[in-house]
Amino acid sequence: MGEPAATAFLGFVLRFIPDINFKISLASIKIATLLLQQDVASLKPHFSALLGHLVEKLSDSKQIVRDMVMDCCSNLISRSKPLVFANNILSSL
């Protein structure tokens, strides 16, 4: 998958992260994590939206969802500068 297609797919997947059905949300977070791990998608257009959804999901009642969010966040930190990550977290509060 090329970068433009992967970036568009990441944007599509982001819409399902806040879903109330935890299986849909969990699968969406897992797909986003895999895209980040493989470094195929451009993160810049979706960084703030992805981080906002992940911060919201940290309060999910299911531990498996919170664990997947932390995994995705660690991939975000490794793909971006930690200061950029921290500034976006603070601005989303």
Protein backbone atom coordinates (compact mmCIF):
# COMPACT_ATOMS: atom_id res chain seq x y z
CA MET A 1 0.00 0.00 0.00
CA GLY A 2 1.41 3.38 -1.00
CA GLU A 3 1.64 6.34 1.33
CA PRO A 4 -1.33 8.30 -0.11
CA ALA A 5 -3.60 5.26 0.12
CA ALA A 6 -2.38 4.38 3.63
CA THR A 7 -2.87 7.98 4.78
CA ALA A 8 -6.40 8.05 3.38
CA PHE A 9 -7.10 4.68 5.00
CA LEU A 10 -5.84 5.97 8.36
CA GLY A 11 -8.24 8.91 8.03
CA PHE A 12 -11.07 6.48 7.31
CA VAL A 13 -10.19 4.25 10.28
CA LEU A 14 -10.07 7.24 12.64
CA ARG A 15 -13.83 7.66 12.32
CA PHE A 16 -14.38 4.33 14.04
CA ILE A 17 -12.11 4.76 17.06
CA PRO A 18 -14.76 6.63 19.12
CA ASP A 19 -17.41 4.00 18.29
CA ILE A 20 -19.42 2.82 21.29
CA ASN A 21 -18.99 -0.84 20.26
CA PHE A 22 -15.68 -1.79 21.85
CA LYS A 23 -14.89 -4.41 19.19
CA ILE A 24 -15.12 -1.83 16.41
CA SER A 25 -13.12 0.66 18.43
CA LEU A 26 -10.50 -1.93 19.34
CA ALA A 27 -10.10 -3.08 15.73
CA SER A 28 -9.75 0.54 14.58
CA ILE A 29 -7.06 1.27 17.15
CA LYS A 30 -5.24 -1.93 16.17
CA ILE A 31 -5.32 -0.99 12.48
CA ALA A 32 -4.05 2.52 13.26
CA THR A 33 -1.26 1.00 15.37
CA LEU A 34 -0.25 -1.35 12.55
CA LEU A 35 -0.17 1.51 10.06
CA LEU A 36 2.05 3.47 12.45
CA GLN A 37 4.35 0.50 13.07
CA GLN A 38 4.82 -0.12 9.36
CA ASP A 39 5.49 3.59 8.77
CA VAL A 40 3.38 3.62 5.60
CA ALA A 41 0.95 6.44 6.42
CA SER A 42 1.70 10.13 6.72
CA LEU A 43 0.88 11.05 10.29
CA LYS A 44 0.76 14.83 9.97
CA PRO A 45 -2.80 15.26 8.60
CA HIS A 46 -4.32 12.98 11.23
CA PHE A 47 -2.06 13.43 14.27
CA SER A 48 -4.32 15.71 16.32
CA ALA A 49 -7.50 13.79 15.53
CA LEU A 50 -5.89 10.45 16.31
CA LEU A 51 -4.44 11.70 19.56
CA GLY A 52 -7.76 13.25 20.60
CA HIS A 53 -9.62 9.98 20.02
CA LEU A 54 -6.96 8.02 21.88
CA VAL A 55 -7.09 10.35 24.89
CA GLU A 56 -10.87 9.89 25.03
CA LYS A 57 -10.50 6.10 24.86
CA LEU A 58 -8.18 6.10 27.87
CA SER A 59 -11.33 6.35 29.98
CA ASP A 60 -12.90 3.26 28.35
CA SER A 61 -14.24 0.69 30.80
CA LYS A 62 -12.47 -2.20 29.02
CA GLN A 63 -8.85 -2.77 30.00
CA ILE A 64 -8.04 -4.28 26.60
CA VAL A 65 -9.04 -1.03 24.89
CA ARG A 66 -6.92 1.05 27.27
CA ASP A 67 -3.95 -1.28 26.68
CA MET A 68 -4.30 -0.95 22.92
CA VAL A 69 -4.51 2.84 23.28
CA MET A 70 -1.24 2.85 25.23
CA ASP A 71 0.38 0.70 22.54
CA CYS A 72 -0.80 3.10 19.85
CA CYS A 73 0.42 6.09 21.87
CA SER A 74 3.87 4.53 22.25
CA ASN A 75 3.99 4.18 18.46
CA LEU A 76 2.94 7.82 18.09
CA ILE A 77 5.74 8.90 20.41
CA SER A 78 8.28 6.87 18.45
CA ARG A 79 7.03 8.31 15.13
CA SER A 80 6.95 11.92 16.32
CA LYS A 81 8.97 14.01 18.69
CA PRO A 82 7.95 13.43 22.32
CA LEU A 83 7.55 17.18 22.83
CA VAL A 84 5.05 17.37 19.93
CA PHE A 85 3.13 14.49 21.48
CA ALA A 86 3.11 16.13 24.92
CA ASN A 87 2.03 19.52 23.54
CA ASN A 88 -0.87 17.92 21.67
CA ILE A 89 -1.95 16.02 24.78
CA LEU A 90 -1.94 19.23 26.83
CA SER A 91 -3.86 21.15 24.20
CA SER A 92 -6.54 18.45 24.06
CA LEU A 93 -7.29 18.71 27.78
